[in-house]
Structure formats: structure tokens, C-alpha cells
Amino acid sequence: WLSKKSNARFIYSSVYGKAVEMELHLNDKVAKAYGKESDEFNYLQSVINYCREAGVVRFEQKLKSAFLRKYNFCFYGLFDEKQLKPTHDELLAIDEKLQVTAMTTENIAERLIRQEIVTSTHAANVTSMYAIQWMHGTEFDLSKTQVRVHRARLRKIGIDIGIPCDTSRHSPVFIRKVKEIEVQPLEMPSWYQPPGRKPNLKLVA
């Protein structure tokens, strides 16, 4: 959702794994406040494990000040929040426009090592560089011994640097496994304790 310059003037949307986010930002705080043997810390671990097992994803959209000013949304309580619904619905429908999948990938060097074509990371990286240069149009002197060695390695994974590269067929990344992700509403477990505190907001005008 970012611009070509990696910034967002009006709306900044972010999606992240909730379990990872809580581990990063809550674990240490709760452990320090209550101790790692406390009920509070154990409860947090239960929530984290549930989010990880269920694949819980949090979707946030941050409306920047420029957006709020442009549409006259900058005064809380003085605008109709229903006006934001089209923007909200459009962002929630992203998964309907995209085919969301979980992919297990590996690069050329990783495949060379996994298939035991080479025995060291250095050798795999050197050979993969030949493939990447080939994908960028480099032509090699096939009479050179070093080129023949790397060509032989790459041919074992379906890449032949002795012929022109067809970019529609070759990629520096191999997809090993694809799994479709099914998006569905999350059921709240019976033991979950929803927050009871409400935001203290007041109308000032």
C-alpha cells in the first residue's frame, strides 16, 4: 500500500502476525511487572500461543493528518464516522483481489546445497552469481574451465547458462511448496478476558 517512494501521505496500512507482535512488545513488560511465574504472564503466553496456532493477523489502517484535513475529519465528534466506511471496506477487501498463499521458497544457492550439488555455502554463492549474471544478459565463454564447472552445477537444477536466458521461465527464487490461506472470522476462546476499560473521550465543542 506504499507509494513508489515507500511513503504514504494519506493512509498507511499495515498487516502483521499478532503472536510475534505480542512477543516483541508485551513479554518483557509483563514479566518485569508481574514475574514469569505469575498468572498474568501465563495468561499472556496462552493468548500468544492461540494467536500463533490460529494464524491471527492484525490489520491496521492509520489515517494520516493530510487525509483527515482533506476530508474535514480532523475534529473528533464533529463528523459522521460512516463517511470512513468506504475506505475501510476497500482495505478489508484486499484479500478478495489477491490470491493469498503461503509459499516456501529457496534461492539458487540454497537449492544447490539442498540437492548436495555443492558442499559449501561459498561454492553455492559463486555458482548462483553466474546464474544471476546470466539472467541479466551476460554471455559466458564456454571454453573456460571455470565456466564449464558452474554450468554443469546449474544444469542439475534446470538452468543452462550456455543458452540465452528466457526470463519468463527462470527466476532467482524457486517455489518449493504453495499453500492457500483461508481467511475467516476468529472465534474468541472461552477463557479469553476481553479488556474492560473504555477510552475516556469527551466532546469538547
Protein backbone atom coordinates (compact mmCIF):
# COMPACT_ATOMS: atom_id res chain seq x y z
CA TRP A 1 0.00 0.00 0.00
CA LEU A 2 3.01 2.32 -0.10
CA SER A 3 3.93 4.71 -2.87
CA LYS A 4 6.91 4.15 -5.19
CA LYS A 5 8.99 6.20 -2.75
CA SER A 6 7.91 3.98 0.16
CA ASN A 7 5.80 6.59 1.88
CA ALA A 8 2.11 7.11 2.40
CA ARG A 9 0.72 10.63 2.58
CA PHE A 10 -2.94 9.83 3.20
CA ILE A 11 -3.36 6.29 4.52
CA TYR A 12 -0.77 3.88 5.93
CA SER A 13 -1.98 0.29 6.20
CA SER A 14 -0.08 -2.49 7.90
CA VAL A 15 -0.64 -6.21 8.45
CA TYR A 16 1.36 -8.26 10.94
CA GLY A 17 1.28 -11.50 12.91
CA LYS A 18 -0.28 -10.80 16.30
CA ALA A 19 1.67 -13.51 18.14
CA VAL A 20 5.02 -12.12 17.04
CA GLU A 21 3.96 -8.57 17.88
CA MET A 22 2.97 -9.54 21.44
CA GLU A 23 6.19 -11.48 21.97
CA LEU A 24 8.20 -8.44 20.93
CA HIS A 25 6.28 -5.78 22.86
CA LEU A 26 4.49 -7.45 25.78
CA ASN A 27 6.52 -10.40 27.02
CA ASP A 28 9.25 -8.39 28.74
CA LYS A 29 6.82 -5.79 30.10
CA VAL A 30 4.52 -8.36 31.73
CA ALA A 31 7.45 -10.44 33.01
CA LYS A 32 9.02 -7.37 34.59
CA ALA A 33 5.75 -6.17 36.13
CA TYR A 34 4.41 -9.49 37.45
CA GLY A 35 7.17 -12.09 37.10
CA LYS A 36 7.43 -15.09 34.77
CA GLU A 37 5.66 -17.39 37.26
CA SER A 38 2.63 -15.12 37.58
CA ASP A 39 -0.90 -15.81 36.36
CA GLU A 40 -0.68 -12.69 34.21
CA PHE A 41 2.41 -13.93 32.37
CA ASN A 42 0.97 -17.42 31.89
CA TYR A 43 -2.25 -15.93 30.55
CA LEU A 44 -0.27 -13.84 28.06
CA GLN A 45 1.53 -16.98 26.85
CA SER A 46 -1.85 -18.67 26.31
CA VAL A 47 -3.03 -15.74 24.19
CA ILE A 48 0.21 -15.73 22.19
CA ASN A 49 0.03 -19.50 21.56
CA TYR A 50 -3.61 -19.23 20.50
CA CYS A 51 -2.79 -16.43 18.03
CA ARG A 52 0.12 -18.42 16.61
CA GLU A 53 -1.88 -21.64 16.19
CA ALA A 54 -4.87 -19.82 14.66
CA GLY A 55 -2.68 -17.66 12.42
CA VAL A 56 -4.13 -14.42 13.81
CA VAL A 57 -3.27 -11.37 11.73
CA ARG A 58 -3.87 -7.78 12.84
CA PHE A 59 -4.79 -5.28 10.15
CA GLU A 60 -4.30 -1.61 10.96
CA GLN A 61 -5.01 1.45 8.89
CA LYS A 62 -3.57 4.74 10.01
CA LEU A 63 -5.27 7.82 8.59
CA LYS A 64 -2.62 10.50 8.22
CA SER A 65 -3.23 14.14 9.15
CA ALA A 66 -3.24 15.18 5.49
CA PHE A 67 -6.10 12.74 4.84
CA LEU A 68 -8.08 13.94 7.87
CA ARG A 69 -7.67 17.58 6.88
CA LYS A 70 -8.58 17.00 3.25
CA TYR A 71 -11.91 15.37 4.11
CA ASN A 72 -12.58 17.52 7.20
CA PHE A 73 -12.22 14.60 9.63
CA CYS A 74 -9.83 16.36 11.99
CA PHE A 75 -12.31 17.18 14.79
CA TYR A 76 -13.43 14.17 16.84
CA GLY A 77 -17.19 14.01 17.25
CA LEU A 78 -17.84 16.66 14.63
CA PHE A 79 -18.07 14.39 11.61
CA ASP A 80 -20.04 11.32 10.62
CA GLU A 81 -17.81 8.25 11.05
CA LYS A 82 -19.90 6.44 8.43
CA GLN A 83 -18.04 8.56 5.88
CA LEU A 84 -14.97 6.41 6.58
CA LYS A 85 -16.78 3.15 5.82
CA PRO A 86 -15.99 3.08 2.05
CA THR A 87 -12.27 3.49 2.82
CA HIS A 88 -12.46 0.81 5.50
CA ASP A 89 -14.37 -1.64 3.28
CA GLU A 90 -11.96 -1.14 0.38
CA LEU A 91 -8.98 -2.06 2.50
CA LEU A 92 -10.73 -5.05 4.07
CA ALA A 93 -11.49 -6.38 0.59
CA ILE A 94 -7.81 -6.65 -0.33
CA ASP A 95 -7.86 -10.43 0.16
CA GLU A 96 -10.67 -10.70 -2.41
CA LYS A 97 -8.49 -9.02 -5.05
CA LEU A 98 -5.41 -11.10 -4.36
CA GLN A 99 -4.76 -14.82 -4.28
CA VAL A 100 -3.28 -15.13 -0.81
CA THR A 101 -0.88 -18.06 -0.41
CA ALA A 102 1.87 -19.17 1.93
CA MET A 103 4.95 -20.09 -0.06
CA THR A 104 8.08 -21.97 0.91
CA THR A 105 10.86 -20.59 -1.27
CA GLU A 106 14.57 -21.12 -1.74
CA ASN A 107 17.17 -19.27 -3.79
CA ILE A 108 19.64 -20.82 -6.22
CA ALA A 109 22.38 -21.20 -3.64
CA GLU A 110 20.04 -22.91 -1.18
CA ARG A 111 18.87 -25.37 -3.83
CA LEU A 112 22.44 -26.22 -4.82
CA ILE A 113 23.21 -27.06 -1.20
CA ARG A 114 19.95 -28.92 -0.51
CA GLN A 115 20.46 -31.16 -3.55
CA GLU A 116 24.11 -31.70 -2.50
CA ILE A 117 25.42 -30.36 -5.80
CA VAL A 118 27.95 -28.33 -3.81
CA THR A 119 29.24 -28.84 -0.28
CA SER A 120 29.89 -25.30 0.88
CA THR A 121 27.97 -22.03 1.07
CA HIS A 122 30.83 -20.23 -0.71
CA ALA A 123 30.68 -22.56 -3.71
CA ALA A 124 26.90 -22.26 -3.85
CA ASN A 125 27.05 -18.46 -3.76
CA VAL A 126 29.69 -18.28 -6.53
CA THR A 127 27.68 -20.59 -8.78
CA SER A 128 24.45 -18.69 -8.11
CA MET A 129 26.16 -15.44 -9.13
CA TYR A 130 26.84 -16.97 -12.54
CA ALA A 131 23.13 -17.71 -12.86
CA ILE A 132 22.13 -14.20 -11.81
CA GLN A 133 24.57 -12.61 -14.27
CA TRP A 134 23.17 -14.91 -16.97
CA MET A 135 19.64 -13.74 -16.14
CA HIS A 136 20.84 -10.17 -16.66
CA GLY A 137 22.10 -10.96 -20.15
CA THR A 138 25.76 -11.87 -19.55
CA GLU A 139 27.25 -14.24 -22.15
CA PHE A 140 29.98 -16.58 -20.90
CA ASP A 141 32.96 -18.11 -22.67
CA LEU A 142 32.00 -21.78 -22.53
CA SER A 143 35.56 -22.83 -23.34
CA LYS A 144 36.78 -21.72 -19.91
CA THR A 145 37.11 -24.47 -17.33
CA GLN A 146 35.59 -22.40 -14.53
CA VAL A 147 32.52 -21.57 -16.63
CA ARG A 148 32.06 -25.24 -17.52
CA VAL A 149 32.15 -26.20 -13.83
CA HIS A 150 29.45 -23.71 -12.86
CA ARG A 151 27.37 -24.55 -15.95
CA ALA A 152 27.42 -28.24 -15.01
CA ARG A 153 26.24 -27.45 -11.49
CA LEU A 154 23.43 -25.21 -12.66
CA ARG A 155 22.21 -27.65 -15.31
CA LYS A 156 21.44 -30.09 -12.48
CA ILE A 157 18.77 -27.67 -11.23
CA GLY A 158 17.40 -26.84 -14.68
CA ILE A 159 19.47 -23.75 -15.55
CA ASP A 160 21.75 -23.74 -18.61
CA ILE A 161 23.92 -20.62 -18.85
CA GLY A 162 25.11 -21.81 -22.26
CA ILE A 163 21.90 -20.65 -23.94
CA PRO A 164 20.15 -17.24 -23.84
CA CYS A 165 18.04 -16.72 -20.73
CA ASP A 166 14.26 -16.83 -21.07
CA THR A 167 13.13 -14.59 -18.20
CA SER A 168 9.60 -15.97 -18.41
CA ARG A 169 10.91 -19.40 -17.38
CA HIS A 170 13.74 -18.67 -14.99
CA SER A 171 13.81 -16.90 -11.65
CA PRO A 172 16.48 -16.50 -8.94
CA VAL A 173 13.90 -17.89 -6.49
CA PHE A 174 12.37 -21.38 -6.61
CA ILE A 175 8.94 -22.08 -5.11
CA ARG A 176 9.02 -25.43 -3.33
CA LYS A 177 5.57 -25.51 -1.79
CA VAL A 178 2.43 -23.39 -2.05
CA LYS A 179 -0.42 -23.46 0.46
CA GLU A 180 -3.63 -21.50 0.10
CA ILE A 181 -4.54 -19.37 3.11
CA GLU A 182 -8.21 -19.37 4.00
CA VAL A 183 -9.30 -16.11 5.63
CA GLN A 184 -12.12 -16.49 8.14
CA PRO A 185 -13.50 -14.79 11.28
CA LEU A 186 -11.71 -15.63 14.51
CA GLU A 187 -13.65 -17.28 17.33
CA MET A 188 -12.84 -15.92 20.78
CA PRO A 189 -11.85 -18.77 23.13
CA SER A 190 -13.97 -19.25 26.26
CA TRP A 191 -11.05 -18.40 28.56
CA TYR A 192 -10.26 -15.08 26.87
CA GLN A 193 -10.61 -11.99 29.08
CA PRO A 194 -11.69 -9.00 26.96
CA PRO A 195 -10.47 -5.61 28.14
CA GLY A 196 -12.99 -3.82 30.38
CA ARG A 197 -11.55 -0.33 30.24
CA LYS A 198 -13.10 2.03 27.69
CA PRO A 199 -11.33 5.07 26.23
CA ASN A 200 -12.04 8.26 28.15
CA LEU A 201 -13.19 10.52 25.31
CA LYS A 202 -15.19 13.70 25.77
CA LEU A 203 -16.92 16.05 23.37
CA VAL A 204 -15.15 19.40 23.66
CA ALA A 205 -17.23 21.55 21.28
